[in-house]
Every structure is written in C-alpha cells, then in structure tokens.
Amino acid sequence: MSHTIVLGVGNRLGGDDAAGTCLVDMLNQRRKKAEADAPIEITAIDAGTAPESYTSVIRRHRPDLLILIDAADMGLPPGALRTIPPEKISILSFSTHHMPLSMFISYVERFCGKLLLIGLQPERVQAGTHISEAVRTSAKKLAEAILEGRAAQIPPLE
C-alpha cells in the first residue's frame, strides 16, 4: 500500500491563509468515511505555520509521496491550484512561516519518494477573516483529488 503524508500549512486566523489547514480538516473527515481498503494510506497533518516541526514524522514514515499545501500568491484567480516546481518557490509569496519553505523542502525531500508543493491562490489573507468560498471550494476539490490519488495531475505553475 502506498503511503502519503499531507502537510497543510497556514494560519487559521488569517482568512485564506488557512487553506492548507482547512484542507487537512476535510481530508481527515472524508478519510473516516472512506473504505478501509483504500489504495492509499494518507496521514493528514495540520502543520500550522511551522511545517519544520514535523520533520521527524516524515523521517520516521518515509512516505512514497509528501504533499505540502499552502496558500500562495501566484497572481491567479482566487482558488486556483498549481503544483509549484522547486525553482519557483523563492519568487512566490507564501503565508508566514517560521522557516522558508525552500529550506524545509531541501531537507525533507531525501526522506520521501516524491514531493509535491501545491499552492492555492488566496482571495484575502487579512487577520480575523474567514476563508473565502472560492478557496473553500478549491480545497474540497483538492481533497477529493488527493483521496483518489490524482494530486500529481494538478497543472504546474508556469
């Protein structure tokens, strides 16, 4: 059985910056309803603003696929989803993190078969606001894609 770890990154108090953490909630709710004989074992973790706190989990489990989900200003319409190649990470604006995502990725990529960074275009990231409908809808679609093993089909950021 294939093992996937999903790290949802973001701040629950920052509007659409909560996209990654919201997606983890959706995955955990849907996984409980899924059949026990699913082809993919998924561990979904709310990493908040400190994904580096979960390096030991990644090292211990050595997943076939590690998926990082984060709100990223990619200059696209709200709710747009893109896989972000490593060379484009430094030119994008991500939510507030304790450590740059590029540094985190360069460390953990040796502990997993494949790594996907998926950016979700926010509409608003103001403190005290709720997640927008466009981002919530995209997070639901992404949760379904992950559960069905289709996350790698999300188009890359060009």
N, C-alpha and C. Protein backbone atom coordinates (compact mmCIF):
# COMPACT_ATOMS: atom_id res chain seq x y z
N MET A 1 0.85 -1.19 0.00
CA MET A 1 0.00 0.00 0.00
C MET A 1 0.88 1.24 0.00
N SER A 2 0.51 2.19 -0.80
CA SER A 2 1.23 3.45 -0.91
C SER A 2 0.90 4.35 0.28
N HIS A 3 1.91 5.03 0.81
CA HIS A 3 1.69 5.93 1.95
C HIS A 3 1.96 7.37 1.53
N THR A 4 1.00 8.24 1.83
CA THR A 4 1.10 9.66 1.53
C THR A 4 0.96 10.45 2.81
N ILE A 5 1.83 11.44 2.99
CA ILE A 5 1.67 12.40 4.08
C ILE A 5 1.30 13.73 3.46
N VAL A 6 0.25 14.34 3.99
CA VAL A 6 -0.19 15.66 3.56
C VAL A 6 0.05 16.61 4.71
N LEU A 7 0.85 17.66 4.47
CA LEU A 7 1.06 18.71 5.47
C LEU A 7 0.31 19.95 5.01
N GLY A 8 -0.70 20.33 5.76
CA GLY A 8 -1.42 21.57 5.48
C GLY A 8 -0.76 22.69 6.25
N VAL A 9 -0.31 23.70 5.52
CA VAL A 9 0.43 24.81 6.12
C VAL A 9 -0.45 26.05 6.09
N GLY A 10 -0.44 26.83 7.18
CA GLY A 10 -1.20 28.08 7.18
C GLY A 10 -1.62 28.51 8.57
N ASN A 11 -2.22 29.67 8.59
CA ASN A 11 -2.69 30.29 9.83
C ASN A 11 -4.21 30.33 9.82
N ARG A 12 -4.84 29.63 10.73
CA ARG A 12 -6.31 29.55 10.80
C ARG A 12 -6.96 30.91 11.06
N LEU A 13 -6.21 31.86 11.55
CA LEU A 13 -6.77 33.18 11.86
C LEU A 13 -6.53 34.19 10.75
N GLY A 14 -6.03 33.74 9.60
CA GLY A 14 -5.64 34.66 8.53
C GLY A 14 -6.42 34.52 7.25
N GLY A 15 -7.73 34.32 7.32
CA GLY A 15 -8.53 34.21 6.11
C GLY A 15 -8.10 33.04 5.26
N ASP A 16 -7.79 33.29 3.99
CA ASP A 16 -7.42 32.23 3.06
C ASP A 16 -6.04 31.63 3.35
N ASP A 17 -5.29 32.23 4.24
CA ASP A 17 -4.03 31.63 4.66
C ASP A 17 -4.29 30.28 5.33
N ALA A 18 -5.52 30.03 5.73
CA ALA A 18 -5.90 28.77 6.37
C ALA A 18 -6.19 27.66 5.37
N ALA A 19 -5.95 27.89 4.09
CA ALA A 19 -6.29 26.92 3.05
C ALA A 19 -5.71 25.53 3.34
N GLY A 20 -4.44 25.45 3.67
CA GLY A 20 -3.80 24.16 3.92
C GLY A 20 -4.36 23.46 5.14
N THR A 21 -4.60 24.20 6.21
CA THR A 21 -5.12 23.60 7.42
C THR A 21 -6.58 23.18 7.24
N CYS A 22 -7.34 23.96 6.50
CA CYS A 22 -8.73 23.63 6.18
C CYS A 22 -8.78 22.34 5.36
N LEU A 23 -7.87 22.21 4.40
CA LEU A 23 -7.83 21.01 3.57
C LEU A 23 -7.54 19.78 4.43
N VAL A 24 -6.66 19.88 5.40
CA VAL A 24 -6.36 18.76 6.29
C VAL A 24 -7.62 18.34 7.05
N ASP A 25 -8.39 19.32 7.53
CA ASP A 25 -9.66 19.00 8.21
C ASP A 25 -10.58 18.21 7.28
N MET A 26 -10.69 18.67 6.04
CA MET A 26 -11.55 17.98 5.07
C MET A 26 -11.07 16.56 4.81
N LEU A 27 -9.76 16.39 4.64
CA LEU A 27 -9.21 15.05 4.40
C LEU A 27 -9.49 14.12 5.57
N ASN A 28 -9.27 14.61 6.78
CA ASN A 28 -9.49 13.76 7.96
C ASN A 28 -10.96 13.39 8.11
N GLN A 29 -11.87 14.30 7.80
CA GLN A 29 -13.30 13.97 7.87
C GLN A 29 -13.68 12.95 6.80
N ARG A 30 -13.18 13.12 5.59
CA ARG A 30 -13.53 12.21 4.49
C ARG A 30 -12.87 10.86 4.64
N ARG A 31 -11.68 10.83 5.19
CA ARG A 31 -10.99 9.54 5.37
C ARG A 31 -11.76 8.64 6.32
N LYS A 32 -12.39 9.22 7.33
CA LYS A 32 -13.17 8.43 8.28
C LYS A 32 -14.34 7.73 7.59
N LYS A 33 -14.85 8.35 6.52
CA LYS A 33 -15.98 7.78 5.78
C LYS A 33 -15.52 6.81 4.70
N ALA A 34 -14.24 6.89 4.32
CA ALA A 34 -13.73 6.06 3.22
C ALA A 34 -13.61 4.60 3.66
N GLU A 35 -13.59 3.74 2.70
CA GLU A 35 -13.46 2.32 2.97
C GLU A 35 -12.06 2.00 3.49
N ALA A 36 -11.99 0.98 4.32
CA ALA A 36 -10.71 0.60 4.93
C ALA A 36 -9.72 0.07 3.90
N ASP A 37 -10.22 -0.41 2.77
CA ASP A 37 -9.31 -0.99 1.76
C ASP A 37 -8.94 0.02 0.68
N ALA A 38 -8.84 1.29 1.06
CA ALA A 38 -8.43 2.32 0.10
C ALA A 38 -7.03 2.03 -0.41
N PRO A 39 -6.72 2.36 -1.67
CA PRO A 39 -5.40 2.05 -2.24
C PRO A 39 -4.28 2.92 -1.69
N ILE A 40 -4.62 4.00 -1.00
CA ILE A 40 -3.61 4.93 -0.50
C ILE A 40 -3.82 5.12 1.00
N GLU A 41 -2.76 4.96 1.76
CA GLU A 41 -2.81 5.30 3.19
C GLU A 41 -2.39 6.75 3.30
N ILE A 42 -3.25 7.57 3.90
CA ILE A 42 -2.98 9.00 3.98
C ILE A 42 -2.90 9.43 5.45
N THR A 43 -1.83 10.15 5.76
CA THR A 43 -1.69 10.80 7.05
C THR A 43 -1.78 12.29 6.77
N ALA A 44 -2.81 12.95 7.29
CA ALA A 44 -3.01 14.38 7.06
C ALA A 44 -2.73 15.14 8.35
N ILE A 45 -1.82 16.11 8.27
CA ILE A 45 -1.34 16.83 9.45
C ILE A 45 -1.52 18.33 9.26
N ASP A 46 -2.12 18.97 10.26
CA ASP A 46 -2.19 20.43 10.30
C ASP A 46 -0.86 20.92 10.84
N ALA A 47 -0.01 21.44 9.95
CA ALA A 47 1.33 21.88 10.35
C ALA A 47 1.35 23.34 10.80
N GLY A 48 0.20 24.03 10.74
CA GLY A 48 0.17 25.43 11.13
C GLY A 48 1.19 26.23 10.36
N THR A 49 1.89 27.10 11.04
CA THR A 49 2.90 27.93 10.38
C THR A 49 4.31 27.38 10.56
N ALA A 50 4.41 26.13 11.08
CA ALA A 50 5.73 25.56 11.35
C ALA A 50 5.84 24.12 10.83
N PRO A 51 5.86 23.93 9.50
CA PRO A 51 5.97 22.57 8.98
C PRO A 51 7.26 21.87 9.42
N GLU A 52 8.27 22.66 9.75
CA GLU A 52 9.54 22.06 10.19
C GLU A 52 9.39 21.27 11.48
N SER A 53 8.31 21.48 12.21
CA SER A 53 8.05 20.72 13.44
C SER A 53 7.71 19.26 13.15
N TYR A 54 7.48 18.93 11.88
CA TYR A 54 7.06 17.58 11.51
C TYR A 54 8.11 16.82 10.71
N THR A 55 9.36 17.28 10.74
CA THR A 55 10.41 16.58 10.02
C THR A 55 10.63 15.17 10.58
N SER A 56 10.49 14.99 11.89
CA SER A 56 10.69 13.66 12.47
C SER A 56 9.61 12.69 12.01
N VAL A 57 8.38 13.16 11.82
CA VAL A 57 7.30 12.32 11.32
C VAL A 57 7.63 11.88 9.89
N ILE A 58 8.10 12.80 9.09
CA ILE A 58 8.45 12.49 7.70
C ILE A 58 9.63 11.51 7.66
N ARG A 59 10.64 11.76 8.46
CA ARG A 59 11.80 10.84 8.51
C ARG A 59 11.38 9.45 8.95
N ARG A 60 10.52 9.37 9.96
CA ARG A 60 10.10 8.08 10.51
C ARG A 60 9.26 7.28 9.51
N HIS A 61 8.31 7.94 8.84
CA HIS A 61 7.38 7.24 7.94
C HIS A 61 7.92 7.07 6.53
N ARG A 62 8.83 7.94 6.10
CA ARG A 62 9.39 7.88 4.74
C ARG A 62 8.30 7.61 3.71
N PRO A 63 7.39 8.58 3.54
CA PRO A 63 6.25 8.36 2.65
C PRO A 63 6.65 8.24 1.18
N ASP A 64 5.82 7.53 0.44
CA ASP A 64 6.02 7.45 -1.01
C ASP A 64 5.79 8.83 -1.63
N LEU A 65 4.85 9.59 -1.03
CA LEU A 65 4.52 10.92 -1.52
C LEU A 65 4.31 11.85 -0.33
N LEU A 66 4.95 13.01 -0.37
CA LEU A 66 4.74 14.07 0.61
C LEU A 66 4.11 15.23 -0.15
N ILE A 67 2.94 15.66 0.32
CA ILE A 67 2.24 16.78 -0.31
C ILE A 67 2.18 17.92 0.69
N LEU A 68 2.72 19.07 0.29
CA LEU A 68 2.62 20.29 1.09
C LEU A 68 1.56 21.18 0.43
N ILE A 69 0.61 21.64 1.22
CA ILE A 69 -0.45 22.51 0.72
C ILE A 69 -0.34 23.84 1.44
N ASP A 70 -0.29 24.93 0.67
CA ASP A 70 -0.17 26.25 1.28
C ASP A 70 -0.81 27.30 0.38
N ALA A 71 -1.33 28.34 1.00
CA ALA A 71 -1.80 29.49 0.24
C ALA A 71 -0.57 30.18 -0.34
N ALA A 72 -0.65 30.52 -1.63
CA ALA A 72 0.48 31.16 -2.30
C ALA A 72 -0.05 32.17 -3.30
N ASP A 73 0.48 33.39 -3.23
CA ASP A 73 0.09 34.41 -4.19
C ASP A 73 0.83 34.16 -5.50
N MET A 74 0.09 33.58 -6.45
CA MET A 74 0.67 33.21 -7.74
C MET A 74 0.19 34.13 -8.85
N GLY A 75 -0.59 35.16 -8.49
CA GLY A 75 -1.12 36.07 -9.49
C GLY A 75 -2.24 35.45 -10.32
N LEU A 76 -2.94 34.49 -9.76
CA LEU A 76 -4.02 33.78 -10.45
C LEU A 76 -5.36 34.11 -9.81
N PRO A 77 -6.47 33.71 -10.41
CA PRO A 77 -7.78 33.95 -9.78
C PRO A 77 -7.89 33.20 -8.45
N PRO A 78 -8.65 33.76 -7.49
CA PRO A 78 -8.82 33.11 -6.19
C PRO A 78 -9.29 31.66 -6.34
N GLY A 79 -8.64 30.78 -5.59
CA GLY A 79 -8.99 29.37 -5.61
C GLY A 79 -8.20 28.54 -6.61
N ALA A 80 -7.40 29.18 -7.48
CA ALA A 80 -6.62 28.43 -8.46
C ALA A 80 -5.61 27.53 -7.75
N LEU A 81 -5.42 26.33 -8.28
CA LEU A 81 -4.48 25.36 -7.74
C LEU A 81 -3.34 25.13 -8.73
N ARG A 82 -2.12 25.08 -8.23
CA ARG A 82 -0.97 24.77 -9.09
C ARG A 82 0.06 24.00 -8.27
N THR A 83 0.73 23.06 -8.92
CA THR A 83 1.92 22.48 -8.31
C THR A 83 3.05 23.46 -8.58
N ILE A 84 3.89 23.63 -7.59
CA ILE A 84 4.94 24.64 -7.69
C ILE A 84 6.30 23.95 -7.75
N PRO A 85 6.98 24.08 -8.88
CA PRO A 85 8.31 23.49 -9.01
C PRO A 85 9.29 24.16 -8.04
N PRO A 86 10.28 23.41 -7.56
CA PRO A 86 11.24 23.96 -6.59
C PRO A 86 11.87 25.28 -7.02
N GLU A 87 12.17 25.43 -8.32
CA GLU A 87 12.84 26.64 -8.78
C GLU A 87 11.95 27.88 -8.72
N LYS A 88 10.64 27.71 -8.52
CA LYS A 88 9.73 28.86 -8.46
C LYS A 88 9.36 29.25 -7.04
N ILE A 89 9.77 28.48 -6.06
CA ILE A 89 9.38 28.73 -4.68
C ILE A 89 9.82 30.11 -4.21
N SER A 90 11.03 30.49 -4.51
CA SER A 90 11.59 31.74 -3.99
C SER A 90 10.94 32.98 -4.59
N ILE A 91 10.25 32.87 -5.73
CA ILE A 91 9.66 34.06 -6.35
C ILE A 91 8.21 34.28 -5.93
N LEU A 92 7.63 33.35 -5.14
CA LEU A 92 6.24 33.46 -4.73
C LEU A 92 6.12 33.97 -3.31
N SER A 93 4.95 34.52 -3.02
CA SER A 93 4.66 34.97 -1.67
C SER A 93 3.79 33.92 -0.98
N PHE A 94 4.36 33.27 0.04
CA PHE A 94 3.63 32.28 0.82
C PHE A 94 3.19 32.92 2.12
N SER A 95 2.36 32.17 2.84
CA SER A 95 1.93 32.64 4.15
C SER A 95 3.14 32.72 5.08
N THR A 96 2.94 33.28 6.24
CA THR A 96 4.03 33.45 7.20
C THR A 96 4.49 32.09 7.71
N HIS A 97 5.79 31.84 7.63
CA HIS A 97 6.38 30.60 8.12
C HIS A 97 7.54 30.93 9.03
N HIS A 98 7.84 29.98 9.90
CA HIS A 98 9.00 30.15 10.77
C HIS A 98 10.30 29.91 10.00
N MET A 99 10.22 29.04 8.98
CA MET A 99 11.39 28.71 8.16
C MET A 99 10.97 28.82 6.69
N PRO A 100 11.82 29.31 5.82
CA PRO A 100 11.45 29.35 4.40
C PRO A 100 11.11 27.95 3.88
N LEU A 101 10.04 27.85 3.09
CA LEU A 101 9.64 26.55 2.55
C LEU A 101 10.74 25.90 1.73
N SER A 102 11.51 26.70 1.01
CA SER A 102 12.59 26.13 0.19
C SER A 102 13.60 25.38 1.05
N MET A 103 13.91 25.91 2.22
CA MET A 103 14.87 25.27 3.13
C MET A 103 14.26 23.98 3.70
N PHE A 104 13.00 24.05 4.08
CA PHE A 104 12.30 22.88 4.61
C PHE A 104 12.27 21.76 3.56
N ILE A 105 11.91 22.11 2.33
CA ILE A 105 11.80 21.12 1.26
C ILE A 105 13.16 20.49 0.95
N SER A 106 14.20 21.30 0.92
CA SER A 106 15.52 20.75 0.61
C SER A 106 15.96 19.75 1.67
N TYR A 107 15.48 19.91 2.89
CA TYR A 107 15.82 18.96 3.96
C TYR A 107 14.99 17.68 3.87
N VAL A 108 13.67 17.79 3.71
CA VAL A 108 12.80 16.62 3.80
C VAL A 108 12.70 15.80 2.52
N GLU A 109 13.06 16.36 1.38
CA GLU A 109 12.87 15.63 0.13
C GLU A 109 13.67 14.33 0.07
N ARG A 110 14.73 14.22 0.86
CA ARG A 110 15.52 12.98 0.86
C ARG A 110 14.83 11.85 1.62
N PHE A 111 13.75 12.19 2.36
CA PHE A 111 13.05 11.19 3.17
C PHE A 111 11.75 10.71 2.53
N CYS A 112 11.48 11.12 1.31
CA CYS A 112 10.23 10.71 0.66
C CYS A 112 10.49 10.36 -0.79
N GLY A 113 9.60 9.53 -1.34
CA GLY A 113 9.76 9.14 -2.73
C GLY A 113 9.58 10.32 -3.67
N LYS A 114 8.51 11.06 -3.46
CA LYS A 114 8.21 12.22 -4.30
C LYS A 114 7.62 13.31 -3.40
N LEU A 115 7.87 14.55 -3.76
CA LEU A 115 7.34 15.69 -3.01
C LEU A 115 6.58 16.61 -3.95
N LEU A 116 5.38 16.97 -3.56
CA LEU A 116 4.58 17.95 -4.31
C LEU A 116 4.28 19.14 -3.41
N LEU A 117 4.56 20.32 -3.91
CA LEU A 117 4.13 21.55 -3.23
C LEU A 117 2.96 22.07 -4.06
N ILE A 118 1.80 22.17 -3.42
CA ILE A 118 0.61 22.66 -4.12
C ILE A 118 0.20 24.00 -3.52
N GLY A 119 0.18 25.00 -4.37
CA GLY A 119 -0.24 26.33 -3.97
C GLY A 119 -1.71 26.55 -4.28
N LEU A 120 -2.38 27.22 -3.37
CA LEU A 120 -3.78 27.56 -3.54
C LEU A 120 -3.87 29.09 -3.49
N GLN A 121 -4.30 29.69 -4.59
CA GLN A 121 -4.33 31.16 -4.69
C GLN A 121 -5.37 31.73 -3.72
N PRO A 122 -4.93 32.57 -2.77
CA PRO A 122 -5.88 33.18 -1.83
C PRO A 122 -6.62 34.37 -2.46
N GLU A 123 -7.77 34.65 -1.89
CA GLU A 123 -8.51 35.86 -2.25
C GLU A 123 -8.18 36.96 -1.25
N ARG A 124 -8.16 36.57 0.04
CA ARG A 124 -7.85 37.54 1.11
C ARG A 124 -7.12 36.82 2.25
N VAL A 125 -6.15 37.50 2.83
CA VAL A 125 -5.39 36.92 3.93
C VAL A 125 -5.33 37.85 5.15
N GLN A 126 -6.37 38.62 5.35
CA GLN A 126 -6.40 39.53 6.49
C GLN A 126 -6.72 38.76 7.77
N ALA A 127 -6.05 39.17 8.85
CA ALA A 127 -6.30 38.55 10.15
C ALA A 127 -7.75 38.75 10.55
N GLY A 128 -8.32 37.71 11.13
CA GLY A 128 -9.69 37.78 11.63
C GLY A 128 -10.77 37.54 10.60
N THR A 129 -10.39 37.27 9.34
CA THR A 129 -11.40 36.99 8.32
C THR A 129 -11.54 35.48 8.14
N HIS A 130 -12.65 35.07 7.54
CA HIS A 130 -12.90 33.65 7.29
C HIS A 130 -12.36 33.28 5.91
N ILE A 131 -12.20 31.99 5.71
CA ILE A 131 -11.74 31.50 4.42
C ILE A 131 -12.81 31.80 3.37
N SER A 132 -12.40 32.25 2.20
CA SER A 132 -13.35 32.63 1.15
C SER A 132 -13.99 31.39 0.53
N GLU A 133 -15.13 31.59 -0.10
CA GLU A 133 -15.85 30.49 -0.73
C GLU A 133 -15.04 29.89 -1.88
N ALA A 134 -14.36 30.73 -2.65
CA ALA A 134 -13.55 30.24 -3.77
C ALA A 134 -12.45 29.30 -3.28
N VAL A 135 -11.79 29.66 -2.20
CA VAL A 135 -10.71 28.84 -1.66
C VAL A 135 -11.27 27.58 -1.01
N ARG A 136 -12.38 27.69 -0.29
CA ARG A 136 -13.00 26.51 0.32
C ARG A 136 -13.42 25.50 -0.75
N THR A 137 -14.01 25.98 -1.83
CA THR A 137 -14.43 25.09 -2.92
C THR A 137 -13.23 24.39 -3.55
N SER A 138 -12.15 25.12 -3.79
CA SER A 138 -10.93 24.51 -4.35
C SER A 138 -10.31 23.51 -3.39
N ALA A 139 -10.34 23.81 -2.10
CA ALA A 139 -9.80 22.89 -1.10
C ALA A 139 -10.59 21.58 -1.12
N LYS A 140 -11.90 21.65 -1.27
CA LYS A 140 -12.73 20.44 -1.35
C LYS A 140 -12.33 19.61 -2.58
N LYS A 141 -12.15 20.27 -3.72
CA LYS A 141 -11.75 19.56 -4.95
C LYS A 141 -10.37 18.94 -4.78
N LEU A 142 -9.48 19.66 -4.14
CA LEU A 142 -8.13 19.13 -3.92
C LEU A 142 -8.16 17.94 -2.97
N ALA A 143 -8.98 18.00 -1.93
CA ALA A 143 -9.11 16.86 -1.01
C ALA A 143 -9.56 15.62 -1.77
N GLU A 144 -10.53 15.77 -2.66
CA GLU A 144 -11.00 14.64 -3.46
C GLU A 144 -9.88 14.11 -4.36
N ALA A 145 -9.13 15.01 -4.98
CA ALA A 145 -8.03 14.59 -5.85
C ALA A 145 -6.98 13.81 -5.06
N ILE A 146 -6.67 14.26 -3.86
CA ILE A 146 -5.68 13.57 -3.03
C ILE A 146 -6.19 12.18 -2.66
N LEU A 147 -7.44 12.09 -2.22
CA LEU A 147 -8.01 10.80 -1.82
C LEU A 147 -8.08 9.82 -2.98
N GLU A 148 -8.24 10.33 -4.18
CA GLU A 148 -8.32 9.49 -5.37
C GLU A 148 -6.96 9.26 -6.04
N GLY A 149 -5.89 9.81 -5.43
CA GLY A 149 -4.55 9.62 -5.98
C GLY A 149 -4.26 10.44 -7.22
N ARG A 150 -4.98 11.59 -7.38
CA ARG A 150 -4.82 12.42 -8.57
C ARG A 150 -4.11 13.74 -8.30
N ALA A 151 -3.48 13.92 -7.17
CA ALA A 151 -2.85 15.20 -6.84
C ALA A 151 -1.78 15.59 -7.84
N ALA A 152 -1.06 14.62 -8.38
CA ALA A 152 0.02 14.92 -9.33
C ALA A 152 -0.52 15.43 -10.67
N GLN A 153 -1.82 15.35 -10.87
CA GLN A 153 -2.43 15.84 -12.13
C GLN A 153 -2.73 17.34 -12.10
N ILE A 154 -2.53 17.98 -10.97
CA ILE A 154 -2.74 19.43 -10.88
C ILE A 154 -1.68 20.09 -11.75
N PRO A 155 -2.09 21.04 -12.58
CA PRO A 155 -1.11 21.64 -13.50
C PRO A 155 -0.02 22.41 -12.76
N PRO A 156 1.17 22.44 -13.36
CA PRO A 156 2.27 23.18 -12.73
C PRO A 156 2.13 24.69 -12.96
N LEU A 157 2.70 25.45 -12.07
CA LEU A 157 2.77 26.89 -12.23
C LEU A 157 3.77 27.19 -13.34
N GLU A 158 3.35 28.00 -14.29
CA GLU A 158 4.24 28.34 -15.41
C GLU A 158 4.84 29.71 -15.22
